Amino acid sequence: MEKLIHVLGIDPGGTTGWCRLTVPRASMFEGEASQIVEWDYGCFYGQEEHQIFSICQLTREIQGLAYKIGPALVCEDWDSDPTFKSTDPEALSPVRMGAMLRFAVALQGTGAVNRSVTISMLGDATLMFQGRTIAKSTATDDRLKAWGLWTTVTHTRDATRHAITALRRAKQDPELAARMWPAAAAYRVGA
């Protein structure tokens, strides 16, 4: 069984920030101390569809780091704001991109074929959505700085908020952790 698991935080939009945090599987499923052993981040730019393809490609690359344990992909969800009055279609880019990620997940296991190649956009990854309010209140700028996870780029900083918040939530909720990494949760030491 792989010793490390990964979470990929996504802050979708015109510029999409991403953050990968790697932690020991035992810290999530066997009660060992929490520890981040790797941290990587960046941004995707361009058309929404191209960014989604890049997210799927990165997700598959991360899966290659942990055999048969895809990363937990955590995407910012759209928090409805009753005062939101914008008519700018760019403002809804995160909603469209979230829908495209849901579609990529829906293709998993369908046997959908494109030019004789089975579509497997996200491999063994799981997808969950997390409101930006919980991420911003859990992983404030001050906390990110204290944890050594602060970046100067807003989009990667927000993606980092989602990744670390999801890890903290999963650590406190074994059922959530099992949904995020089902293969890692199913493994039992000594089995």
C-alpha atoms as a PDB file:
ATOM      1  CA  MET A   1       0.000   0.000   0.000  1.00  0.00           C
ATOM      2  CA  GLU A   2       1.220   3.483  -0.819  1.00  0.00           C
ATOM      3  CA  LYS A   3       2.485   5.430   2.170  1.00  0.00           C
ATOM      4  CA  LEU A   4       1.426   8.857   0.892  1.00  0.00           C
ATOM      5  CA  ILE A   5      -1.893  10.324  -0.230  1.00  0.00           C
ATOM      6  CA  HIS A   6      -2.615  13.579  -2.016  1.00  0.00           C
ATOM      7  CA  VAL A   7      -5.203  16.332  -2.011  1.00  0.00           C
ATOM      8  CA  LEU A   8      -5.518  18.769  -4.909  1.00  0.00           C
ATOM      9  CA  GLY A   9      -7.212  22.065  -4.072  1.00  0.00           C
ATOM     10  CA  ILE A  10      -8.724  23.997  -6.984  1.00  0.00           C
ATOM     11  CA  ASP A  11      -9.765  27.663  -7.123  1.00  0.00           C
ATOM     12  CA  PRO A  12     -11.469  27.796 -10.553  1.00  0.00           C
ATOM     13  CA  GLY A  13     -12.011  30.876 -12.684  1.00  0.00           C
ATOM     14  CA  GLY A  14     -10.428  33.028 -15.382  1.00  0.00           C
ATOM     15  CA  THR A  15      -7.153  32.131 -13.677  1.00  0.00           C
ATOM     16  CA  THR A  16      -7.353  28.809 -11.878  1.00  0.00           C
ATOM     17  CA  GLY A  17      -5.130  28.250  -8.877  1.00  0.00           C
ATOM     18  CA  TRP A  18      -4.189  24.748  -7.777  1.00  0.00           C
ATOM     19  CA  CYS A  19      -2.393  23.327  -4.764  1.00  0.00           C
ATOM     20  CA  ARG A  20      -1.231  19.780  -4.075  1.00  0.00           C
ATOM     21  CA  LEU A  21      -0.576  18.714  -0.514  1.00  0.00           C
ATOM     22  CA  THR A  22       0.909  15.291   0.189  1.00  0.00           C
ATOM     23  CA  VAL A  23       0.466  13.644   3.576  1.00  0.00           C
ATOM     24  CA  PRO A  24       1.249  10.215   5.062  1.00  0.00           C
ATOM     25  CA  ARG A  25      -1.684   7.814   4.654  1.00  0.00           C
ATOM     26  CA  ALA A  26      -1.132   6.719   8.255  1.00  0.00           C
ATOM     27  CA  SER A  27      -1.718  10.258   9.523  1.00  0.00           C
ATOM     28  CA  MET A  28      -5.188  10.193   8.023  1.00  0.00           C
ATOM     29  CA  PHE A  29      -6.193   6.577   8.668  1.00  0.00           C
ATOM     30  CA  GLU A  30      -4.039   5.212  11.500  1.00  0.00           C
ATOM     31  CA  GLY A  31      -3.963   8.057  14.003  1.00  0.00           C
ATOM     32  CA  GLU A  32      -0.381   9.152  13.366  1.00  0.00           C
ATOM     33  CA  ALA A  33       0.527  12.818  13.742  1.00  0.00           C
ATOM     34  CA  SER A  34      -0.491  15.181  10.957  1.00  0.00           C
ATOM     35  CA  GLN A  35       2.284  16.143   8.615  1.00  0.00           C
ATOM     36  CA  ILE A  36       2.549  17.724   5.169  1.00  0.00           C
ATOM     37  CA  VAL A  37       5.486  16.113   3.380  1.00  0.00           C
ATOM     38  CA  GLU A  38       5.139  17.922   0.031  1.00  0.00           C
ATOM     39  CA  TRP A  39       3.522  21.102  -1.229  1.00  0.00           C
ATOM     40  CA  ASP A  40       3.240  22.206  -4.842  1.00  0.00           C
ATOM     41  CA  TYR A  41       1.091  24.855  -6.479  1.00  0.00           C
ATOM     42  CA  GLY A  42       0.518  26.811  -9.668  1.00  0.00           C
ATOM     43  CA  CYS A  43      -2.027  28.390 -11.987  1.00  0.00           C
ATOM     44  CA  PHE A  44      -3.769  27.525 -15.222  1.00  0.00           C
ATOM     45  CA  TYR A  45      -4.801  30.186 -17.728  1.00  0.00           C
ATOM     46  CA  GLY A  46      -6.847  30.350 -20.912  1.00  0.00           C
ATOM     47  CA  GLN A  47     -10.190  29.023 -22.023  1.00  0.00           C
ATOM     48  CA  GLU A  48     -12.197  27.217 -19.372  1.00  0.00           C
ATOM     49  CA  GLU A  49     -12.254  23.945 -21.325  1.00  0.00           C
ATOM     50  CA  HIS A  50      -8.465  24.005 -21.688  1.00  0.00           C
ATOM     51  CA  GLN A  51      -8.048  24.677 -17.991  1.00  0.00           C
ATOM     52  CA  ILE A  52     -10.305  21.713 -17.170  1.00  0.00           C
ATOM     53  CA  PHE A  53      -8.209  19.520 -19.431  1.00  0.00           C
ATOM     54  CA  SER A  54      -5.087  20.763 -17.601  1.00  0.00           C
ATOM     55  CA  ILE A  55      -6.691  20.000 -14.219  1.00  0.00           C
ATOM     56  CA  CYS A  56      -7.552  16.480 -15.393  1.00  0.00           C
ATOM     57  CA  GLN A  57      -4.026  16.005 -16.724  1.00  0.00           C
ATOM     58  CA  LEU A  58      -2.482  17.197 -13.442  1.00  0.00           C
ATOM     59  CA  THR A  59      -4.841  14.914 -11.507  1.00  0.00           C
ATOM     60  CA  ARG A  60      -3.683  11.916 -13.558  1.00  0.00           C
ATOM     61  CA  GLU A  61      -0.041  12.880 -12.995  1.00  0.00           C
ATOM     62  CA  ILE A  62      -0.633  13.065  -9.240  1.00  0.00           C
ATOM     63  CA  GLN A  63      -2.324   9.670  -9.333  1.00  0.00           C
ATOM     64  CA  GLY A  64       0.939   8.341 -10.716  1.00  0.00           C
ATOM     65  CA  LEU A  65       2.527   9.245  -7.366  1.00  0.00           C
ATOM     66  CA  ALA A  66       0.250   6.837  -5.464  1.00  0.00           C
ATOM     67  CA  TYR A  67      -0.675   3.636  -7.303  1.00  0.00           C
ATOM     68  CA  LYS A  68      -4.465   3.138  -7.439  1.00  0.00           C
ATOM     69  CA  ILE A  69      -5.067   5.926  -4.912  1.00  0.00           C
ATOM     70  CA  GLY A  70      -6.150   8.953  -6.839  1.00  0.00           C
ATOM     71  CA  PRO A  71      -5.904  12.357  -5.276  1.00  0.00           C
ATOM     72  CA  ALA A  72      -8.855  13.901  -3.531  1.00  0.00           C
ATOM     73  CA  LEU A  73      -9.793  16.766  -5.836  1.00  0.00           C
ATOM     74  CA  VAL A  74     -11.345  19.604  -3.800  1.00  0.00           C
ATOM     75  CA  CYS A  75     -12.912  22.358  -5.870  1.00  0.00           C
ATOM     76  CA  GLU A  76     -14.259  25.647  -4.610  1.00  0.00           C
ATOM     77  CA  ASP A  77     -18.042  25.598  -4.707  1.00  0.00           C
ATOM     78  CA  TRP A  78     -20.116  28.605  -5.559  1.00  0.00           C
ATOM     79  CA  ASP A  79     -21.385  30.253  -2.384  1.00  0.00           C
ATOM     80  CA  SER A  80     -24.618  32.035  -3.234  1.00  0.00           C
ATOM     81  CA  ASP A  81     -24.512  35.686  -2.243  1.00  0.00           C
ATOM     82  CA  PRO A  82     -27.905  37.436  -2.248  1.00  0.00           C
ATOM     83  CA  THR A  83     -26.181  40.784  -2.866  1.00  0.00           C
ATOM     84  CA  PHE A  84     -24.437  39.493  -6.022  1.00  0.00           C
ATOM     85  CA  LYS A  85     -25.723  41.695  -8.853  1.00  0.00           C
ATOM     86  CA  SER A  86     -23.068  41.217 -11.545  1.00  0.00           C
ATOM     87  CA  THR A  87     -24.095  40.489 -15.125  1.00  0.00           C
ATOM     88  CA  ASP A  88     -20.492  39.765 -16.139  1.00  0.00           C
ATOM     89  CA  PRO A  89     -20.393  36.168 -17.474  1.00  0.00           C
ATOM     90  CA  GLU A  90     -16.803  35.863 -16.203  1.00  0.00           C
ATOM     91  CA  ALA A  91     -18.124  35.953 -12.646  1.00  0.00           C
ATOM     92  CA  LEU A  92     -19.838  32.595 -13.239  1.00  0.00           C
ATOM     93  CA  SER A  93     -16.725  30.922 -14.638  1.00  0.00           C
ATOM     94  CA  PRO A  94     -16.232  28.895 -11.409  1.00  0.00           C
ATOM     95  CA  VAL A  95     -19.757  27.488 -11.743  1.00  0.00           C
ATOM     96  CA  ARG A  96     -19.178  26.418 -15.348  1.00  0.00           C
ATOM     97  CA  MET A  97     -15.820  24.893 -14.524  1.00  0.00           C
ATOM     98  CA  GLY A  98     -17.283  23.001 -11.570  1.00  0.00           C
ATOM     99  CA  ALA A  99     -19.930  21.581 -13.901  1.00  0.00           C
ATOM    100  CA  MET A 100     -17.215  20.450 -16.318  1.00  0.00           C
ATOM    101  CA  LEU A 101     -15.373  18.672 -13.509  1.00  0.00           C
ATOM    102  CA  ARG A 102     -18.612  16.959 -12.500  1.00  0.00           C
ATOM    103  CA  PHE A 103     -18.999  15.833 -16.115  1.00  0.00           C
ATOM    104  CA  ALA A 104     -15.435  14.453 -16.129  1.00  0.00           C
ATOM    105  CA  VAL A 105     -16.333  12.408 -13.036  1.00  0.00           C
ATOM    106  CA  ALA A 106     -19.590  11.268 -14.656  1.00  0.00           C
ATOM    107  CA  LEU A 107     -17.584   9.852 -17.569  1.00  0.00           C
ATOM    108  CA  GLN A 108     -15.693   7.550 -15.205  1.00  0.00           C
ATOM    109  CA  GLY A 109     -16.758   3.977 -15.651  1.00  0.00           C
ATOM    110  CA  THR A 110     -19.269   4.737 -18.392  1.00  0.00           C
ATOM    111  CA  GLY A 111     -17.175   3.176 -21.121  1.00  0.00           C
ATOM    112  CA  ALA A 112     -17.566   6.395 -23.098  1.00  0.00           C
ATOM    113  CA  VAL A 113     -15.391   6.161 -26.157  1.00  0.00           C
ATOM    114  CA  ASN A 114     -13.777   8.913 -28.169  1.00  0.00           C
ATOM    115  CA  ARG A 115     -11.894   7.758 -31.291  1.00  0.00           C
ATOM    116  CA  SER A 116     -11.512   4.270 -29.820  1.00  0.00           C
ATOM    117  CA  VAL A 117      -9.911   5.579 -26.624  1.00  0.00           C
ATOM    118  CA  THR A 118     -11.789   5.077 -23.387  1.00  0.00           C
ATOM    119  CA  ILE A 119     -12.255   8.389 -21.633  1.00  0.00           C
ATOM    120  CA  SER A 120     -10.694   8.323 -18.202  1.00  0.00           C
ATOM    121  CA  MET A 121     -10.184  11.966 -17.410  1.00  0.00           C
ATOM    122  CA  LEU A 122      -9.627  11.750 -13.655  1.00  0.00           C
ATOM    123  CA  GLY A 123      -8.411   8.201 -13.095  1.00  0.00           C
ATOM    124  CA  ASP A 124      -9.042   7.105  -9.507  1.00  0.00           C
ATOM    125  CA  ALA A 125      -9.489  10.642  -8.200  1.00  0.00           C
ATOM    126  CA  THR A 126     -12.486  11.659  -6.146  1.00  0.00           C
ATOM    127  CA  LEU A 127     -14.174  15.045  -6.451  1.00  0.00           C
ATOM    128  CA  MET A 128     -15.763  17.099  -3.734  1.00  0.00           C
ATOM    129  CA  PHE A 129     -16.841  20.713  -3.542  1.00  0.00           C
ATOM    130  CA  GLN A 130     -16.191  22.993  -0.617  1.00  0.00           C
ATOM    131  CA  GLY A 131     -17.570  26.468  -0.039  1.00  0.00           C
ATOM    132  CA  ARG A 132     -15.111  29.334  -0.094  1.00  0.00           C
ATOM    133  CA  THR A 133     -16.529  30.664   3.176  1.00  0.00           C
ATOM    134  CA  ILE A 134     -15.381  27.627   5.177  1.00  0.00           C
ATOM    135  CA  ALA A 135     -11.982  27.650   3.479  1.00  0.00           C
ATOM    136  CA  LYS A 136     -11.374  31.361   4.105  1.00  0.00           C
ATOM    137  CA  SER A 137     -12.491  31.146   7.736  1.00  0.00           C
ATOM    138  CA  THR A 138     -10.461  27.982   8.448  1.00  0.00           C
ATOM    139  CA  ALA A 139      -7.278  28.874   6.569  1.00  0.00           C
ATOM    140  CA  THR A 140      -6.906  32.609   7.108  1.00  0.00           C
ATOM    141  CA  ASP A 141      -3.874  34.446   5.757  1.00  0.00           C
ATOM    142  CA  ASP A 142      -2.380  34.509   9.249  1.00  0.00           C
ATOM    143  CA  ARG A 143      -2.808  30.740   9.635  1.00  0.00           C
ATOM    144  CA  LEU A 144      -1.393  30.042   6.164  1.00  0.00           C
ATOM    145  CA  LYS A 145       1.661  32.120   7.072  1.00  0.00           C
ATOM    146  CA  ALA A 146       2.061  30.316  10.403  1.00  0.00           C
ATOM    147  CA  TRP A 147       1.816  26.931   8.649  1.00  0.00           C
ATOM    148  CA  GLY A 148       4.332  27.982   5.970  1.00  0.00           C
ATOM    149  CA  LEU A 149       1.687  27.663   3.229  1.00  0.00           C
ATOM    150  CA  TRP A 150       1.181  31.304   2.233  1.00  0.00           C
ATOM    151  CA  THR A 151       1.829  32.454  -1.345  1.00  0.00           C
ATOM    152  CA  THR A 152       1.717  35.898  -2.885  1.00  0.00           C
ATOM    153  CA  VAL A 153      -0.598  34.783  -5.710  1.00  0.00           C
ATOM    154  CA  THR A 154      -4.258  35.050  -4.689  1.00  0.00           C
ATOM    155  CA  HIS A 155      -5.409  32.081  -6.811  1.00  0.00           C
ATOM    156  CA  THR A 156      -2.812  29.631  -5.468  1.00  0.00           C
ATOM    157  CA  ARG A 157      -3.394  30.924  -1.945  1.00  0.00           C
ATOM    158  CA  ASP A 158      -7.136  30.223  -2.275  1.00  0.00           C
ATOM    159  CA  ALA A 159      -6.444  26.763  -3.711  1.00  0.00           C
ATOM    160  CA  THR A 160      -4.150  26.122  -0.742  1.00  0.00           C
ATOM    161  CA  ARG A 161      -6.970  27.169   1.600  1.00  0.00           C
ATOM    162  CA  HIS A 162      -9.198  24.501   0.039  1.00  0.00           C
ATOM    163  CA  ALA A 163      -6.562  21.777   0.201  1.00  0.00           C
ATOM    164  CA  ILE A 164      -5.608  22.366   3.846  1.00  0.00           C
ATOM    165  CA  THR A 165      -9.218  22.859   4.948  1.00  0.00           C
ATOM    166  CA  ALA A 166     -10.227  19.574   3.295  1.00  0.00           C
ATOM    167  CA  LEU A 167      -7.340  17.787   5.038  1.00  0.00           C
ATOM    168  CA  ARG A 168      -8.330  19.205   8.415  1.00  0.00           C
ATOM    169  CA  ARG A 169     -11.984  18.243   7.870  1.00  0.00           C
ATOM    170  CA  ALA A 170     -11.027  14.712   6.765  1.00  0.00           C
ATOM    171  CA  LYS A 171      -8.758  14.260   9.787  1.00  0.00           C
ATOM    172  CA  GLN A 172     -11.727  15.066  12.052  1.00  0.00           C
ATOM    173  CA  ASP A 173     -14.268  13.017  10.069  1.00  0.00           C
ATOM    174  CA  PRO A 174     -13.235   9.431   9.154  1.00  0.00           C
ATOM    175  CA  GLU A 175     -16.260   9.026   6.868  1.00  0.00           C
ATOM    176  CA  LEU A 176     -15.222  12.083   4.860  1.00  0.00           C
ATOM    177  CA  ALA A 177     -11.645  10.767   4.682  1.00  0.00           C
ATOM    178  CA  ALA A 178     -12.959   7.422   3.394  1.00  0.00           C
ATOM    179  CA  ARG A 179     -14.955   9.209   0.680  1.00  0.00           C
ATOM    180  CA  MET A 180     -11.926  11.268  -0.325  1.00  0.00           C
ATOM    181  CA  TRP A 181      -9.503   8.292  -0.544  1.00  0.00           C
ATOM    182  CA  PRO A 182     -11.618   5.100  -0.658  1.00  0.00           C
ATOM    183  CA  ALA A 183      -8.744   2.766  -1.631  1.00  0.00           C
ATOM    184  CA  ALA A 184      -6.521   4.106   1.152  1.00  0.00           C
ATOM    185  CA  ALA A 185      -9.354   3.795   3.684  1.00  0.00           C
ATOM    186  CA  ALA A 186     -10.079   0.191   2.660  1.00  0.00           C
ATOM    187  CA  TYR A 187      -6.498  -0.904   3.342  1.00  0.00           C
ATOM    188  CA  ARG A 188      -5.965  -2.361   6.790  1.00  0.00           C
ATOM    189  CA  VAL A 189      -2.505  -2.682   8.314  1.00  0.00           C
ATOM    190  CA  GLY A 190      -1.561  -6.340   8.711  1.00  0.00           C
ATOM    191  CA  ALA A 191      -4.373  -7.530   6.444  1.00  0.00           C
END
